[in-house]
Protein backbone atom coordinates (compact mmCIF):
# COMPACT_ATOMS: atom_id res chain seq x y z
CA MET A 1 0.00 0.00 0.00
CA THR A 2 2.86 2.39 0.66
CA GLN A 3 3.31 4.99 -2.03
CA PRO A 4 6.83 5.35 -3.50
CA GLN A 5 8.76 7.95 -1.57
CA GLN A 6 10.48 9.44 -4.59
CA GLN A 7 7.24 10.55 -6.22
CA GLN A 8 6.80 14.30 -5.89
CA PRO A 9 3.36 15.86 -5.43
CA GLN A 10 1.81 17.22 -8.61
CA PHE A 11 -0.78 19.26 -6.75
CA VAL A 12 -0.26 21.50 -3.77
CA VAL A 13 -3.54 23.39 -3.96
CA VAL A 14 -4.96 24.32 -0.57
CA PRO A 15 -7.78 26.71 0.22
CA ASP A 16 -7.44 30.12 1.66
CA ALA A 17 -7.80 29.74 5.41
CA GLY A 18 -9.95 32.83 5.56
CA ALA A 19 -12.48 31.25 3.22
CA SER A 20 -12.61 27.89 4.96
CA PRO A 21 -16.04 26.43 5.69
CA GLN A 22 -17.24 26.36 9.26
CA VAL A 23 -18.45 22.83 9.96
CA ARG A 24 -20.19 21.34 12.95
CA ARG A 25 -19.70 17.87 14.36
CA GLY A 26 -22.81 15.73 14.11
CA ALA A 27 -24.22 12.64 12.42
CA ASP A 28 -24.60 12.60 8.65
CA VAL A 29 -26.84 10.33 6.61
CA THR A 30 -24.44 7.39 6.59
CA SER A 31 -24.06 7.52 10.38
CA VAL A 32 -27.83 7.52 10.85
CA VAL A 33 -28.21 4.64 8.38
CA SER A 34 -25.49 2.70 10.20
CA LEU A 35 -27.28 3.15 13.52
CA LEU A 36 -30.62 2.08 12.02
CA LEU A 37 -29.07 -1.01 10.44
CA ASN A 38 -27.64 -1.97 13.83
CA LEU A 39 -31.07 -1.66 15.46
CA PRO A 40 -31.99 -5.39 15.03
CA LEU A 41 -28.70 -6.39 16.65
CA PHE A 42 -29.34 -3.91 19.45
CA LEU A 43 -32.80 -5.39 20.07
CA GLY A 44 -31.33 -8.90 20.03
CA SER A 45 -28.72 -7.84 22.59
CA LEU A 46 -31.42 -6.20 24.70
CA LEU A 47 -33.30 -9.50 24.73
CA VAL A 48 -30.16 -11.33 25.83
CA ILE A 49 -29.51 -8.79 28.60
CA TRP A 50 -33.15 -8.99 29.72
CA LEU A 51 -33.00 -12.80 29.88
CA ILE A 52 -29.82 -12.60 31.98
CA SER A 53 -31.48 -10.06 34.27
CA ARG A 54 -34.32 -12.51 34.93
CA MET A 55 -31.84 -14.63 36.90
CA MET A 56 -30.98 -11.73 39.21
CA PRO A 57 -32.70 -10.59 42.42
CA SER A 58 -35.52 -8.07 42.17
CA GLY A 59 -34.22 -4.54 41.83
CA LEU A 60 -30.81 -5.64 40.64
CA ASP A 61 -32.32 -6.95 37.41
CA THR A 62 -33.68 -3.54 36.42
CA ALA A 63 -30.43 -1.82 37.40
CA PHE A 64 -28.50 -4.31 35.24
CA VAL A 65 -30.57 -3.53 32.14
CA ILE A 66 -30.40 0.23 32.72
CA ALA A 67 -26.63 0.08 33.27
CA TRP A 68 -26.18 -1.78 29.98
CA LEU A 69 -28.35 0.72 28.11
CA ALA A 70 -26.36 3.62 29.57
CA SER A 71 -23.00 1.98 28.89
CA GLY A 72 -22.97 3.32 25.32
CA ALA A 73 -22.09 6.74 26.73
CA LEU A 74 -18.62 5.35 27.47
CA VAL A 75 -17.89 5.74 23.75
CA PHE A 76 -17.58 9.49 24.44
CA HIS A 77 -15.74 9.12 27.78
CA ARG A 78 -12.13 10.23 27.29
CA PRO A 79 -10.45 7.75 29.71
CA THR A 80 -12.47 4.91 28.18
CA GLU A 81 -11.49 6.05 24.70
CA ARG A 82 -7.82 5.95 25.67
CA GLY A 83 -8.26 2.45 27.08
CA LEU A 84 -9.92 1.33 23.85
CA ALA A 85 -7.08 2.90 21.88
CA ARG A 86 -4.55 0.74 23.69
CA LEU A 87 -6.48 -2.51 24.10
CA LEU A 88 -8.84 -2.65 21.12
CA PHE A 89 -7.27 -0.46 18.44
CA LYS A 90 -3.64 -1.35 19.33
CA MET A 91 -2.56 2.29 19.37
CA ARG A 92 -0.04 4.13 21.50
CA ARG A 93 0.77 7.70 22.40
CA PRO A 94 3.07 9.39 19.86
CA THR A 95 6.64 10.19 20.79
CA GLY A 96 7.75 13.80 21.01
CA ALA A 97 9.24 13.67 17.50
CA GLU A 98 6.12 12.06 16.03
CA LEU A 99 3.85 14.59 17.68
CA ALA A 100 6.06 17.45 16.51
CA ALA A 101 5.61 16.23 12.92
CA LEU A 102 1.87 15.53 13.19
CA GLN A 103 0.54 18.37 15.31
CA PRO A 104 1.24 21.26 12.89
CA LEU A 105 -0.41 19.34 10.05
CA TRP A 106 -3.43 18.52 12.18
CA ASP A 107 -3.70 22.11 13.40
CA ASP A 108 -3.66 23.37 9.81
CA VAL A 109 -6.33 20.88 8.69
CA THR A 110 -8.67 21.66 11.57
CA ARG A 111 -8.11 25.40 11.17
CA ARG A 112 -9.10 25.21 7.52
CA ALA A 113 -12.24 23.29 8.49
CA GLY A 114 -13.11 25.71 11.28
CA VAL A 115 -12.93 22.87 13.82
CA ASP A 116 -11.38 22.96 17.28
CA GLY A 117 -8.52 20.52 16.77
CA SER A 118 -7.72 20.38 20.50
CA ARG A 119 -10.85 18.26 21.01
CA TYR A 120 -9.12 15.36 19.28
CA GLU A 121 -6.10 13.27 20.24
CA LEU A 122 -3.41 12.02 17.87
CA TRP A 123 -2.27 8.42 18.39
CA MET A 124 0.14 6.07 16.61
CA GLU A 125 -0.15 2.56 15.21
CA ASP A 126 3.05 0.53 14.98
CA THR A 127 2.61 -0.84 11.47
CA ASP A 128 4.24 -0.05 8.14
CA GLU A 129 0.88 -0.09 6.41
CA LEU A 130 -0.05 3.28 4.94
CA ASN A 131 -3.19 4.04 6.87
CA ALA A 132 -4.92 6.31 9.35
CA SER A 133 -8.14 5.91 11.27
CA ALA A 134 -10.78 7.85 13.11
CA ALA A 135 -11.64 5.91 16.24
CA ALA A 136 -14.19 6.30 19.02
CA GLY A 137 -15.29 9.88 19.51
CA HIS A 138 -12.05 11.86 19.57
CA LEU A 139 -9.13 9.68 18.42
CA VAL A 140 -7.11 9.94 15.21
CA GLY A 141 -4.68 7.09 14.65
CA VAL A 142 -1.75 7.34 12.21
CA THR A 143 0.53 4.47 11.18
CA ARG A 144 4.30 4.54 10.82
CA GLY A 145 3.82 4.00 7.10
CA ALA A 146 1.67 7.11 6.82
CA MET A 147 4.30 9.12 8.70
CA ARG A 148 6.76 8.42 5.88
CA GLN A 149 4.53 10.11 3.33
CA PRO A 150 5.16 13.67 2.10
CA PRO A 151 3.59 16.22 4.46
CA GLN A 152 1.04 17.27 1.82
CA HIS A 153 -0.23 13.71 1.48
CA LEU A 154 -0.32 13.19 5.22
CA SER A 155 -2.34 16.39 5.60
CA ALA A 156 -4.85 15.07 3.05
CA VAL A 157 -5.13 11.80 4.96
CA LEU A 158 -5.74 13.70 8.21
CA ALA A 159 -8.42 15.79 6.48
CA HIS A 160 -10.13 12.56 5.43
CA GLU A 161 -10.09 11.27 9.03
CA LEU A 162 -11.45 14.59 10.28
CA GLY A 163 -14.31 14.08 7.83
CA HIS A 164 -15.12 10.78 9.54
CA HIS A 165 -15.25 12.49 12.93
CA VAL A 166 -17.29 15.46 11.71
CA GLY A 167 -19.77 13.09 10.07
CA GLY A 168 -20.08 10.95 13.19
CA HIS A 169 -18.91 7.81 11.37
CA SER A 170 -16.44 6.64 14.00
CA TRP A 171 -18.66 6.88 17.07
CA ALA A 172 -21.70 5.46 15.22
CA LEU A 173 -19.65 2.44 14.13
CA LEU A 174 -18.27 1.84 17.61
CA LEU A 175 -21.68 2.31 19.21
CA GLY A 176 -23.21 -0.22 16.84
CA HIS A 177 -20.46 -2.74 17.61
CA TRP A 178 -20.76 -2.20 21.36
CA TYR A 179 -24.49 -2.77 21.59
CA ALA A 180 -24.21 -5.85 19.35
CA VAL A 181 -21.71 -7.61 21.66
CA PRO A 182 -24.25 -9.62 23.74
CA VAL A 183 -26.13 -11.05 20.76
CA ARG A 184 -22.87 -11.73 18.89
CA MET A 185 -21.53 -13.62 21.91
CA LEU A 186 -24.74 -15.64 22.06
CA MET A 187 -24.52 -16.47 18.36
CA THR A 188 -20.91 -17.57 18.83
CA VAL A 189 -21.96 -19.96 21.60
CA VAL A 190 -24.86 -21.26 19.51
CA LYS A 191 -22.56 -21.88 16.53
CA PHE A 192 -20.10 -23.73 18.77
CA VAL A 193 -22.85 -25.92 20.23
CA LEU A 194 -24.33 -26.68 16.82
CA ARG A 195 -20.91 -27.52 15.40
CA PHE A 196 -20.24 -29.83 18.35
CA LEU A 197 -23.61 -31.54 17.98
CA PHE A 198 -23.10 -31.95 14.26
CA TYR A 199 -19.73 -33.65 14.65
CA PHE A 200 -21.02 -35.69 17.60
CA THR A 201 -23.97 -37.01 15.62
CA ALA A 202 -21.70 -37.62 12.62
CA GLU A 203 -19.77 -40.07 14.75
CA LEU A 204 -22.98 -41.99 15.48
CA SER A 205 -24.46 -42.52 12.06
CA CYS A 206 -25.43 -40.87 8.81
CA LEU A 207 -29.05 -41.22 9.86
CA ALA A 208 -28.41 -39.11 12.97
CA VAL A 209 -26.83 -36.42 10.83
CA GLY A 210 -29.84 -36.44 8.53
CA VAL A 211 -32.21 -36.10 11.47
CA PHE A 212 -30.10 -33.29 12.92
CA VAL A 213 -30.09 -31.35 9.64
CA LEU A 214 -33.81 -32.00 9.12
CA ILE A 215 -34.77 -30.69 12.56
CA PHE A 216 -32.76 -27.48 12.40
CA GLY A 217 -33.62 -26.95 8.73
CA SER A 218 -37.30 -27.26 9.57
CA LEU A 219 -36.92 -24.76 12.41
CA ALA A 220 -35.26 -22.28 10.06
CA VAL A 221 -37.97 -22.68 7.40
CA ALA A 222 -40.72 -22.39 10.03
CA THR A 223 -39.16 -19.17 11.34
CA PHE A 224 -39.08 -17.59 7.89
CA LEU A 225 -42.65 -18.72 7.11
CA ALA A 226 -43.95 -17.37 10.43
CA PHE A 227 -42.01 -14.11 10.13
CA PRO A 228 -40.90 -13.42 6.52
CA PRO A 229 -39.13 -10.13 7.42
CA ALA A 230 -36.55 -12.26 9.23
CA VAL A 231 -35.04 -12.97 5.80
CA ALA A 232 -34.05 -9.29 5.65
CA LEU A 233 -31.69 -9.85 8.58
CA TYR A 234 -29.32 -11.62 6.19
CA THR A 235 -28.95 -8.42 4.17
CA ILE A 236 -27.83 -6.34 7.15
CA PRO A 237 -24.08 -7.22 6.89
CA PHE A 238 -24.12 -6.24 3.20
CA LEU A 239 -25.98 -3.01 3.95
CA LEU A 240 -23.55 -2.15 6.75
CA ALA A 241 -20.65 -2.69 4.35
CA TRP A 242 -22.38 -0.44 1.79
CA SER A 243 -22.83 2.20 4.50
CA GLY A 244 -19.12 1.94 5.27
CA ARG A 245 -18.24 2.56 1.63
CA GLN A 246 -20.51 5.60 1.57
CA SER A 247 -18.86 6.98 4.70
CA GLU A 248 -15.45 6.68 3.01
CA LEU A 249 -16.70 8.63 0.00
CA ARG A 250 -18.19 11.28 2.26
CA ALA A 251 -14.90 11.65 4.16
CA ASP A 252 -13.09 11.95 0.81
CA ARG A 253 -15.47 14.71 -0.28
CA PHE A 254 -14.99 16.49 3.03
CA ALA A 255 -11.24 16.55 2.40
CA GLY A 256 -11.94 17.72 -1.14
CA ARG A 257 -14.01 20.64 0.05
CA LEU A 258 -11.10 21.72 2.21
CA GLY A 259 -8.90 21.82 -0.90
CA TYR A 260 -7.16 18.46 -0.51
CA GLY A 261 -8.98 16.81 -3.42
CA PRO A 262 -6.02 16.98 -5.87
CA LEU A 263 -3.68 15.55 -3.25
CA MET A 264 -6.14 12.74 -2.47
CA ILE A 265 -6.36 11.94 -6.19
CA GLU A 266 -2.58 11.83 -6.41
CA LEU A 267 -2.40 9.54 -3.39
CA PHE A 268 -5.06 7.16 -4.74
CA THR A 269 -3.46 7.15 -8.18
CA GLY A 270 -0.18 6.09 -6.56
CA TRP A 271 -1.98 3.28 -4.75
CA GLN A 272 -3.52 2.16 -8.03
CA ALA A 273 -0.09 2.05 -9.67
CA GLU A 274 1.12 -0.19 -6.84
CA GLY A 275 -1.74 -2.64 -7.45
CA HIS A 276 -3.67 -1.78 -4.31
CA ASP A 277 -6.97 -2.78 -5.96
CA ASP A 278 -5.68 -5.95 -7.62
CA ALA A 279 -6.74 -8.26 -4.79
CA ALA A 280 -10.19 -6.66 -4.65
CA ARG A 281 -10.73 -7.27 -8.38
CA LYS A 282 -9.89 -10.96 -7.92
CA ALA A 283 -12.20 -11.32 -4.92
CA SER A 284 -15.56 -13.03 -5.16
CA PRO A 285 -18.72 -10.93 -5.69
CA VAL A 286 -19.75 -11.59 -2.07
CA ALA A 287 -16.35 -10.42 -0.79
CA ARG A 288 -16.63 -7.24 -2.85
CA LEU A 289 -20.10 -6.59 -1.46
CA MET A 290 -18.73 -7.04 2.06
CA SER A 291 -15.87 -4.59 1.52
CA THR A 292 -16.12 -1.44 3.65
CA HIS A 293 -13.93 0.60 1.26
CA PRO A 294 -14.91 1.52 -2.31
CA PRO A 295 -12.50 0.82 -5.19
CA LEU A 296 -9.94 3.50 -5.83
CA HIS A 297 -11.26 4.44 -9.26
CA GLN A 298 -14.62 5.25 -7.70
CA ARG A 299 -12.98 7.40 -5.04
CA ILE A 300 -10.93 9.22 -7.67
CA ARG A 301 -14.01 9.98 -9.78
CA ALA A 302 -15.80 11.36 -6.73
CA LEU A 303 -12.88 13.70 -6.08
CA GLU A 304 -12.41 14.91 -9.63
CA THR A 305 -15.08 17.58 -9.12
CA PHE A 306 -12.66 19.33 -6.77
CA VAL A 307 -9.90 19.62 -9.39
CA SER A 308 -10.01 22.83 -11.37
């Protein structure tokens, strides 16, 4: 993924800071869609939590459910965010030299956007992959590979990540994942039990396997016949992936509006030349539908409107 270091930027167009748009942090369409798509998983998790609470003493059961519902606020809790950065996102605090290189670029990007950059924290990822990420509510992660890019390209990448934060993409994604944990854990246990039963019955006889498949197949068919909308649940992963691709395009356009469109195009063109999309083209149709990032040619076309 890393772009050749010897390539010199062809575009250095940046907007006049005095004419920069004033933007407000919120939740754009893709963030709202992501939250709505996660609603079935949230309701499934709520059912799991409620069933667990039924085994608790009176009074404690209600407190348990309320505490779980309120736990989503931790996504915006700074100490919790820092803990997630270390444990979940595998990030670390930048060194003095790294921060000295990143902070001026970040300050310039946020100034151009009319955003208070001090609300966000810059973190590092120890990988040579050229990447950056907007995590939780206020974190911006940058890899070692991205740090080796020309400053203009790194500024464009930071503008893209700021677009994710301004659009609410990062916190909406994390919130959806958090509230889906109970039902996902339950499904993992169910899959393990079913796999164990399948192999156990396979050791007995082929007839037992047939009976096992017939019973659970009949239950699945009966569920869909009794509640046809349940079939739509299978489309949710594909719709969430589509929402992720749309959020990437929106973050690209945000960077483009700040004047980094030509630099983003140059960066993506370099990735194309290195074969960054080759694996995606060879992937199966299902894998492409499950991808959370659009192909580079689509991202370039979306940014071409910002090139004069």
